[in-house]
Amino acid sequence: MKNNANDSLISLADKNSIQEEYEKYSEARHNVVNEIKEQIDNILTALDSNPVVNCRIKNFPSYFNKYIRFLRDGVKDPKITDLLGIRIICPFIEDLAATEDLIKINFNVVERDVKGHYSFKEFGYESTHLLITIPKAILNKHGYPGTKTVEIQIRTILQDAWAEVEHELVYKVEFSPFDEPMKRKLAAVNASLSLADIIFQEIRSYQRNYSRQIGKRRESFFQKIEESIDGLLFIENQFNAGGKKEDSFESSSMDDDYEDDFDTEGSNIDDLLVNALSAHNQNRFNDAINQYTKILDLKKPAIKDFLQSSEDSRSDEMIRAIIFKHRGMAYFACSQYSDAISDFTSSLELDSQSYKAAYYRGVVHSVIKQYSNAIDDYTLSLSLNPYQPFCLFRRGQAYYHMGDYPQGLSDCENSLSLEPNNKSAVKFKKLLHEKLRMF
């Protein structure tokens, strides 16, 4: 009886005429959905994350089956609103709301539906569906595509993965009353994916807070360098350092990879590190030093646990090199220069490629006017990474204090070739030219 009813519906619907109507707009559909996808790609560049945008056109068999379902439900003139579809796949939960807001700002949303079913069969499928009207400009450009709307689905990566697998395992198969254990397993998988999404978001929020703490630490560190080195240089020669601050000059490349030094959460090292950064940002330098010291005093098993929780398997020596480097920065902040030099030296011994530790040690040597040692440190740093305008600038200053004005000018000019807008370096170059004219 069921098949006969379907046959009757098909004959009434006139499948051939429906297919002809469907195919008449094929080219317009293709052009319209691709242009909307391109617009959404451009709109989402405003986000820090990188959502993936896909588009699809419902094929005729799927379109016709949905058309028949509407007829079976008593709808006389079925309208398929999801003939054109856009799917936006976001890395994190926080991106869902931000993405939806951008869509609402840029398109006319006529319907919103949050799919969050937890019925016996649906197992927690989640997705935000927005129905937008096709902009008139696109219709005028490409013609009518057989529909006035486009469905936009917004999901996380894990929500999308679940939806794809669920479609294959659940919606294509009729469960019998004896499938209870399997249903419980599917529900457990869905719960695990939902929990994973929450945990990923917590890690993301943790890292963002982490970056803010690091930014504050950088600012105080660079300010002290400016006051200790630039101030001495320009005040002695009746110049005002002014202009661009040290953090503006160096922050773009000096310590950008610090965020990646520790990118895990939930370990004792992380807790101690956040405590150290917080103390550092509040100018409680001794507390920060104590926290770094506690990390260095941890036994190797604790370090190994941290490494196992990391995405990359860094050695115990590498972790200790990083901690020494940043404890050295804290020592520098509270003017314990010999301790700072010792920590930067320890960092270099553990990680011979740490051009930053070499540079930092050179800074300390410059502050205490050990310019020959400073030049050696800057030279080592530049041998590891030659593209450091700030390091060239500092080495040029050290040469200046040693009376080697030609070499100082050479370093200053090389620094300006990499960072031409640095006002302090421009003033330093002028100072060097005046010194050289005296001879």
Protein backbone atom coordinates (compact mmCIF):
# COMPACT_ATOMS: atom_id res chain seq x y z
CA MET A 1 0.00 0.00 0.00
CA LYS A 2 2.84 2.38 0.84
CA ASN A 3 4.46 1.97 -2.58
CA ASN A 4 1.15 2.48 -4.36
CA ALA A 5 0.62 5.70 -2.43
CA ASN A 6 4.05 6.94 -3.44
CA ASP A 7 3.42 6.02 -7.06
CA SER A 8 0.19 7.98 -6.93
CA LEU A 9 2.03 11.00 -5.52
CA ILE A 10 4.70 10.75 -8.20
CA SER A 11 2.16 10.68 -10.99
CA LEU A 12 0.33 13.66 -9.55
CA ALA A 13 3.55 15.60 -9.21
CA ASP A 14 4.56 14.89 -12.79
CA LYS A 15 8.18 14.02 -12.19
CA ASN A 16 9.30 14.92 -15.71
CA SER A 17 7.97 18.46 -15.60
CA ILE A 18 9.45 18.95 -12.15
CA GLN A 19 12.85 17.81 -13.41
CA GLU A 20 12.62 20.12 -16.42
CA GLU A 21 11.86 23.04 -14.12
CA TYR A 22 14.75 22.02 -11.84
CA GLU A 23 17.27 21.79 -14.69
CA LYS A 24 16.20 25.08 -16.27
CA TYR A 25 18.01 27.04 -13.53
CA SER A 26 21.15 24.88 -13.23
CA GLU A 27 23.63 27.48 -14.46
CA ALA A 28 22.12 30.29 -12.40
CA ARG A 29 22.15 28.11 -9.28
CA HIS A 30 25.82 27.32 -9.74
CA ASN A 31 26.78 30.98 -10.21
CA VAL A 32 24.60 32.28 -7.37
CA VAL A 33 25.79 29.83 -4.71
CA ASN A 34 29.44 30.32 -5.64
CA GLU A 35 29.18 34.10 -5.46
CA ILE A 36 27.50 33.93 -2.05
CA LYS A 37 30.25 31.58 -0.87
CA GLU A 38 32.86 34.05 -2.08
CA GLN A 39 31.14 36.89 -0.24
CA ILE A 40 31.00 34.86 2.98
CA ASP A 41 34.69 33.95 2.64
CA ASN A 42 35.51 37.66 2.50
CA ILE A 43 33.19 38.52 5.39
CA LEU A 44 34.75 35.90 7.68
CA THR A 45 38.25 37.30 7.26
CA ALA A 46 37.23 39.60 10.13
CA LEU A 47 37.57 36.60 12.48
CA ASP A 48 40.88 35.55 14.03
CA SER A 49 40.09 31.93 13.30
CA ASN A 50 39.79 30.53 9.80
CA PRO A 51 36.35 28.96 9.26
CA VAL A 52 36.01 26.69 6.24
CA VAL A 53 33.17 27.60 3.87
CA ASN A 54 31.65 25.01 1.55
CA CYS A 55 28.70 25.28 -0.80
CA ARG A 56 26.39 22.70 -2.30
CA ILE A 57 23.39 22.42 -4.61
CA LYS A 58 20.78 19.81 -3.75
CA ASN A 59 20.76 17.29 -6.58
CA PHE A 60 17.53 16.37 -8.28
CA PRO A 61 16.92 12.98 -6.55
CA SER A 62 17.25 14.66 -3.13
CA TYR A 63 15.16 17.60 -4.29
CA PHE A 64 12.43 15.32 -5.64
CA ASN A 65 12.33 13.11 -2.56
CA LYS A 66 11.85 16.18 -0.37
CA TYR A 67 9.19 17.45 -2.77
CA ILE A 68 7.29 14.15 -2.41
CA ARG A 69 7.56 14.29 1.39
CA PHE A 70 5.89 17.70 1.33
CA LEU A 71 3.09 16.34 -0.86
CA ARG A 72 2.65 13.39 1.49
CA ASP A 73 2.31 15.87 4.37
CA GLY A 74 -0.46 17.68 2.53
CA VAL A 75 1.52 20.66 1.17
CA LYS A 76 -0.05 21.52 -2.20
CA ASP A 77 2.71 23.73 -3.62
CA PRO A 78 6.01 22.64 -1.99
CA LYS A 79 8.79 25.23 -1.70
CA ILE A 80 12.27 23.77 -1.14
CA THR A 81 14.14 26.46 0.79
CA ASP A 82 17.46 24.58 1.07
CA LEU A 83 17.98 23.99 -2.63
CA LEU A 84 21.16 26.06 -2.25
CA GLY A 85 23.29 25.49 0.83
CA ILE A 86 26.35 27.00 2.49
CA ARG A 87 28.12 25.24 5.34
CA ILE A 88 30.50 27.16 7.60
CA ILE A 89 32.76 24.97 9.74
CA CYS A 90 34.35 26.80 12.67
CA PRO A 91 37.31 25.67 14.80
CA PHE A 92 35.85 26.69 18.18
CA ILE A 93 32.50 27.14 19.90
CA GLU A 94 33.11 30.87 20.36
CA ASP A 95 33.31 31.27 16.58
CA LEU A 96 29.70 30.15 16.10
CA ALA A 97 28.09 33.27 17.55
CA ALA A 98 30.63 35.59 15.92
CA THR A 99 30.02 33.95 12.53
CA GLU A 100 26.27 34.18 12.93
CA ASP A 101 26.51 37.88 13.82
CA LEU A 102 28.53 38.58 10.66
CA ILE A 103 25.99 36.75 8.52
CA LYS A 104 23.13 38.74 10.08
CA ILE A 105 24.95 42.03 9.46
CA ASN A 106 25.64 41.28 5.81
CA PHE A 107 22.54 39.33 4.70
CA ASN A 108 18.80 39.39 5.25
CA VAL A 109 18.10 36.46 7.59
CA VAL A 110 14.46 35.39 7.37
CA GLU A 111 14.63 32.30 9.57
CA ARG A 112 16.87 30.89 12.29
CA ASP A 113 16.75 27.33 13.58
CA VAL A 114 19.13 25.76 16.10
CA LYS A 115 19.21 22.04 15.56
CA GLY A 116 19.79 20.48 18.96
CA HIS A 117 17.69 17.35 19.01
CA TYR A 118 18.20 14.82 21.75
CA SER A 119 15.50 12.37 20.81
CA PHE A 120 15.98 8.63 20.83
CA LYS A 121 17.03 8.51 17.20
CA GLU A 122 18.81 11.79 16.64
CA PHE A 123 21.55 11.52 19.28
CA GLY A 124 22.23 15.19 19.85
CA TYR A 125 22.82 16.49 16.31
CA GLU A 126 23.72 20.17 16.66
CA SER A 127 23.90 22.94 14.08
CA THR A 128 22.69 26.50 13.62
CA HIS A 129 20.70 26.95 10.41
CA LEU A 130 20.05 30.40 8.95
CA LEU A 131 17.82 31.03 5.96
CA ILE A 132 18.85 34.12 3.99
CA THR A 133 17.30 35.77 0.97
CA ILE A 134 19.50 35.98 -2.11
CA PRO A 135 20.64 39.61 -2.53
CA LYS A 136 18.99 41.43 -5.43
CA ALA A 137 22.37 42.38 -6.89
CA ILE A 138 23.27 38.70 -7.25
CA LEU A 139 19.87 37.85 -8.78
CA ASN A 140 20.23 40.70 -11.26
CA LYS A 141 23.71 39.51 -12.17
CA HIS A 142 23.07 35.76 -12.55
CA GLY A 143 19.32 35.43 -12.95
CA TYR A 144 16.74 33.54 -10.92
CA PRO A 145 18.15 30.19 -9.65
CA GLY A 146 14.82 28.49 -8.93
CA THR A 147 14.73 29.68 -5.32
CA LYS A 148 14.81 32.96 -3.41
CA THR A 149 16.67 31.63 -0.38
CA VAL A 150 19.92 29.99 0.67
CA GLU A 151 20.36 27.87 3.80
CA ILE A 152 23.50 28.54 5.82
CA GLN A 153 24.63 25.93 8.36
CA ILE A 154 27.11 26.95 11.05
CA ARG A 155 28.92 24.20 12.98
CA THR A 156 32.13 23.41 14.77
CA ILE A 157 34.52 20.91 13.23
CA LEU A 158 33.37 18.22 15.66
CA GLN A 159 29.69 19.00 15.18
CA ASP A 160 30.20 18.64 11.45
CA ALA A 161 32.06 15.36 11.87
CA TRP A 162 29.25 13.99 14.04
CA ALA A 163 26.57 15.10 11.58
CA GLU A 164 28.33 13.34 8.69
CA VAL A 165 28.81 10.07 10.54
CA GLU A 166 25.34 10.23 12.09
CA HIS A 167 23.80 10.56 8.65
CA GLU A 168 25.48 7.34 7.52
CA LEU A 169 24.89 5.31 10.68
CA VAL A 170 21.49 6.52 11.83
CA TYR A 171 19.42 8.11 9.11
CA LYS A 172 20.17 5.54 6.44
CA VAL A 173 19.29 2.62 8.71
CA GLU A 174 16.11 1.76 10.60
CA PHE A 175 16.91 0.69 14.14
CA SER A 176 15.00 -2.21 15.61
CA PRO A 177 13.91 -2.41 19.29
CA PHE A 178 16.94 -4.66 19.90
CA ASP A 179 19.47 -1.92 19.11
CA GLU A 180 19.55 -0.36 22.59
CA PRO A 181 23.26 -1.05 23.32
CA MET A 182 24.29 0.44 19.98
CA LYS A 183 22.14 3.52 20.57
CA ARG A 184 23.78 4.03 23.96
CA LYS A 185 27.22 3.81 22.34
CA LEU A 186 26.29 6.44 19.76
CA ALA A 187 24.94 8.70 22.49
CA ALA A 188 28.22 8.26 24.39
CA VAL A 189 30.25 9.19 21.29
CA ASN A 190 28.17 12.33 20.81
CA ALA A 191 28.64 13.29 24.45
CA SER A 192 32.41 12.79 24.08
CA LEU A 193 32.51 15.04 21.01
CA SER A 194 30.48 17.72 22.79
CA LEU A 195 32.86 17.56 25.75
CA ALA A 196 35.85 17.79 23.39
CA ASP A 197 34.38 20.96 21.85
CA ILE A 198 34.03 22.48 25.32
CA ILE A 199 37.59 21.52 26.26
CA PHE A 200 39.00 22.96 23.01
CA GLN A 201 37.20 26.22 23.76
CA GLU A 202 38.63 26.27 27.30
CA ILE A 203 42.12 25.78 25.88
CA ARG A 204 41.50 28.58 23.38
CA SER A 205 40.38 30.93 26.15
CA TYR A 206 43.37 29.88 28.26
CA GLN A 207 45.76 30.70 25.42
CA ARG A 208 44.13 34.08 24.83
CA ASN A 209 44.55 35.02 28.48
CA TYR A 210 48.09 33.69 28.27
CA SER A 211 48.86 35.98 25.33
CA ARG A 212 47.50 39.00 27.18
CA GLN A 213 49.75 38.24 30.13
CA ILE A 214 52.73 37.85 27.80
CA GLY A 215 51.99 41.16 26.10
CA LYS A 216 52.04 42.98 29.42
CA ARG A 217 55.32 41.31 30.35
CA ARG A 218 56.87 42.34 27.03
CA GLU A 219 55.90 45.97 27.51
CA SER A 220 57.63 46.33 30.86
CA PHE A 221 60.70 44.47 29.61
CA PHE A 222 61.13 46.66 26.52
CA GLN A 223 60.47 49.84 28.49
CA LYS A 224 63.35 49.00 30.82
CA ILE A 225 65.64 48.38 27.83
CA GLU A 226 64.71 51.78 26.41
CA GLU A 227 65.27 53.57 29.68
CA SER A 228 68.56 51.79 30.39
CA ILE A 229 70.18 51.96 26.94
CA ASP A 230 68.49 54.54 24.71
CA GLY A 231 68.14 57.01 27.56
CA LEU A 232 71.84 56.82 28.30
CA LEU A 233 72.80 57.20 24.64
CA PHE A 234 70.63 60.17 23.77
CA ILE A 235 70.76 62.04 27.07
CA GLU A 236 74.56 62.00 26.94
CA ASN A 237 74.36 63.58 23.50
CA GLN A 238 71.47 65.97 24.28
CA PHE A 239 68.96 64.01 22.27
CA ASN A 240 65.48 63.00 23.33
CA ALA A 241 64.85 59.36 22.49
CA GLY A 242 61.14 60.05 21.93
CA GLY A 243 59.39 58.60 18.91
CA LYS A 244 58.71 54.94 18.66
CA LYS A 245 58.90 53.01 21.90
CA GLU A 246 61.03 49.93 22.27
CA ASP A 247 58.03 47.65 22.41
CA SER A 248 56.84 49.01 19.06
CA PHE A 249 60.30 48.59 17.56
CA GLU A 250 61.00 45.09 18.75
CA SER A 251 57.74 43.39 19.60
CA SER A 252 57.03 42.38 16.02
CA SER A 253 59.94 39.96 15.99
CA MET A 254 61.67 39.91 19.34
CA ASP A 255 59.48 37.49 21.21
CA ASP A 256 56.64 36.50 18.89
CA ASP A 257 57.14 32.77 19.28
CA TYR A 258 56.84 32.85 23.06
CA GLU A 259 53.12 32.10 22.76
CA ASP A 260 54.08 28.78 21.22
CA ASP A 261 56.59 27.94 23.93
CA PHE A 262 53.82 26.59 26.16
CA ASP A 263 50.63 25.71 24.37
CA THR A 264 49.07 23.11 26.66
CA GLU A 265 46.86 23.37 29.67
CA GLY A 266 46.12 21.46 32.82
CA SER A 267 49.67 20.84 34.01
CA ASN A 268 51.54 22.04 37.06
CA ILE A 269 54.01 23.82 34.81
CA ASP A 270 51.22 25.79 33.18
CA ASP A 271 49.78 26.84 36.52
CA LEU A 272 53.17 27.96 37.76
CA LEU A 273 53.88 29.79 34.53
CA VAL A 274 50.61 31.70 34.59
CA ASN A 275 51.28 32.62 38.20
CA ALA A 276 54.76 33.84 37.19
CA LEU A 277 53.39 35.94 34.35
CA SER A 278 50.69 37.43 36.54
CA ALA A 279 53.23 38.35 39.19
CA HIS A 280 55.55 39.77 36.54
CA ASN A 281 52.78 41.93 35.06
CA GLN A 282 52.00 43.31 38.52
CA ASN A 283 55.68 44.19 39.03
CA ARG A 284 56.01 41.51 41.71
CA PHE A 285 59.30 40.40 40.22
CA ASN A 286 60.50 38.34 43.17
CA ASP A 287 57.27 36.35 43.15
CA ALA A 288 57.68 35.77 39.41
CA ILE A 289 61.26 34.61 39.93
CA ASN A 290 60.10 32.22 42.66
CA GLN A 291 57.51 30.69 40.32
CA TYR A 292 60.05 30.20 37.54
CA THR A 293 62.42 28.66 40.07
CA LYS A 294 59.74 26.19 41.18
CA ILE A 295 59.35 25.05 37.59
CA LEU A 296 63.11 24.57 37.25
CA ASP A 297 63.13 22.62 40.52
CA LEU A 298 60.48 20.17 39.32
CA LYS A 299 61.72 16.64 38.97
CA LYS A 300 62.09 15.19 35.50
CA PRO A 301 58.92 13.02 35.68
CA ALA A 302 56.85 16.21 36.03
CA ILE A 303 58.57 17.68 32.99
CA LYS A 304 57.96 14.46 31.07
CA ASP A 305 54.27 14.57 31.95
CA PHE A 306 54.15 18.09 30.55
CA LEU A 307 55.92 17.00 27.38
CA GLN A 308 53.52 14.10 26.89
CA SER A 309 50.60 16.52 27.09
CA SER A 310 52.15 18.79 24.45
CA GLU A 311 51.44 18.57 20.76
CA ASP A 312 55.16 18.67 20.06
CA SER A 313 57.58 16.50 22.00
CA ARG A 314 60.14 18.97 23.28
CA SER A 315 63.03 17.76 25.34
CA ASP A 316 63.48 18.47 29.02
CA GLU A 317 66.48 20.64 28.09
CA MET A 318 64.37 22.77 25.74
CA ILE A 319 61.73 23.41 28.41
CA ARG A 320 64.37 24.36 30.94
CA ALA A 321 66.05 26.65 28.38
CA ILE A 322 62.78 28.53 27.93
CA ILE A 323 62.25 28.90 31.69
CA PHE A 324 65.82 30.10 32.23
CA LYS A 325 65.34 32.67 29.48
CA HIS A 326 62.20 34.11 31.05
CA ARG A 327 63.48 34.01 34.58
CA GLY A 328 66.44 35.97 33.25
CA MET A 329 64.00 38.56 31.95
CA ALA A 330 62.44 38.80 35.40
CA TYR A 331 65.88 39.21 37.00
CA PHE A 332 66.59 41.97 34.49
CA ALA A 333 63.33 43.70 35.36
CA CYS A 334 64.38 44.00 39.00
CA SER A 335 67.98 44.98 38.08
CA GLN A 336 69.61 41.73 39.24
CA TYR A 337 71.95 41.83 36.28
CA SER A 338 74.44 39.13 37.23
CA ASP A 339 71.59 36.67 37.84
CA ALA A 340 70.03 37.65 34.51
CA ILE A 341 73.32 37.02 32.69
CA SER A 342 73.65 33.66 34.44
CA ASP A 343 70.13 32.59 33.38
CA PHE A 344 70.58 33.68 29.76
CA THR A 345 73.87 31.77 29.70
CA SER A 346 72.13 28.67 31.09
CA SER A 347 69.45 29.03 28.43
CA LEU A 348 72.07 29.15 25.68
CA GLU A 349 73.87 26.13 27.09
CA LEU A 350 70.63 24.14 26.90
CA ASP A 351 69.53 25.56 23.55
CA SER A 352 72.46 26.73 21.43
CA GLN A 353 70.06 28.10 18.77
CA SER A 354 68.31 30.55 21.09
CA TYR A 355 69.19 33.84 19.39
CA LYS A 356 66.87 35.64 21.82
CA ALA A 357 68.79 34.47 24.87
CA ALA A 358 72.00 35.72 23.22
CA TYR A 359 70.37 39.05 22.45
CA TYR A 360 68.97 39.43 25.97
CA ARG A 361 72.38 38.71 27.46
CA GLY A 362 73.84 41.36 25.18
CA VAL A 363 71.25 43.84 26.45
CA VAL A 364 72.30 43.19 30.05
CA HIS A 365 75.96 43.57 29.17
CA SER A 366 75.12 46.89 27.49
CA VAL A 367 73.25 48.11 30.56
CA ILE A 368 76.23 47.41 32.81
CA LYS A 369 78.52 48.98 30.16
CA GLN A 370 80.41 45.79 29.31
CA TYR A 371 80.26 46.73 25.66
CA SER A 372 82.80 44.26 24.34
CA ASN A 373 80.84 41.36 25.84
CA ALA A 374 77.64 42.92 24.53
CA ILE A 375 79.06 43.03 20.99
CA ASP A 376 80.00 39.35 21.24
CA ASP A 377 76.47 38.46 22.35
CA TYR A 378 74.80 40.53 19.63
CA THR A 379 77.09 39.00 17.03
CA LEU A 380 76.19 35.50 18.24
CA SER A 381 72.50 36.35 18.08
CA LEU A 382 72.83 37.72 14.55
CA SER A 383 74.75 34.62 13.43
CA LEU A 384 71.73 32.58 14.49
CA ASN A 385 69.19 34.99 12.99
CA PRO A 386 70.56 37.84 10.85
CA TYR A 387 67.17 39.49 10.30
CA GLN A 388 67.00 41.40 13.59
CA PRO A 389 66.88 45.17 13.16
CA PHE A 390 66.76 45.70 16.93
CA CYS A 391 69.88 43.57 17.48
CA LEU A 392 71.80 45.45 14.78
CA PHE A 393 70.70 48.74 16.36
CA ARG A 394 71.90 47.61 19.80
CA ARG A 395 75.22 46.35 18.49
CA GLY A 396 75.70 49.66 16.68
CA GLN A 397 75.16 51.46 20.00
CA ALA A 398 77.74 49.23 21.68
CA TYR A 399 80.25 50.03 18.90
CA TYR A 400 79.48 53.71 19.43
CA HIS A 401 80.34 53.48 23.11
CA MET A 402 83.56 51.65 22.18
CA GLY A 403 84.45 54.58 19.88
CA ASP A 404 84.07 52.54 16.69
CA TYR A 405 81.78 55.00 14.88
CA PRO A 406 82.18 53.52 11.34
CA GLN A 407 81.09 50.07 12.52
CA GLY A 408 78.30 51.66 14.56
CA LEU A 409 77.08 53.50 11.47
CA SER A 410 77.23 50.31 9.39
CA ASP A 411 75.03 48.46 11.92
CA CYS A 412 72.66 51.40 12.18
CA GLU A 413 72.20 51.58 8.41
CA ASN A 414 71.65 47.81 8.20
CA SER A 415 69.08 48.11 10.97
CA LEU A 416 67.26 50.88 9.10
CA SER A 417 67.24 48.82 5.91
CA LEU A 418 65.15 46.27 7.82
CA GLU A 419 63.14 48.78 9.89
CA PRO A 420 63.27 52.14 8.03
CA ASN A 421 60.65 53.89 10.18
CA ASN A 422 62.41 53.56 13.52
CA LYS A 423 62.87 57.13 14.75
CA SER A 424 65.44 56.20 17.39
CA ALA A 425 67.64 54.57 14.77
CA VAL A 426 67.26 57.62 12.50
CA LYS A 427 68.41 59.91 15.34
CA PHE A 428 71.26 57.54 16.12
CA LYS A 429 72.41 57.69 12.50
CA LYS A 430 72.43 61.49 12.67
CA LEU A 431 74.49 61.33 15.86
CA LEU A 432 77.02 59.00 14.22
CA HIS A 433 77.38 61.28 11.20
CA GLU A 434 78.11 64.22 13.52
CA LYS A 435 80.74 62.19 15.37
CA LEU A 436 82.39 61.11 12.13
CA ARG A 437 82.55 64.73 10.87
CA MET A 438 84.57 65.63 13.97
CA PHE A 439 87.47 63.46 12.78
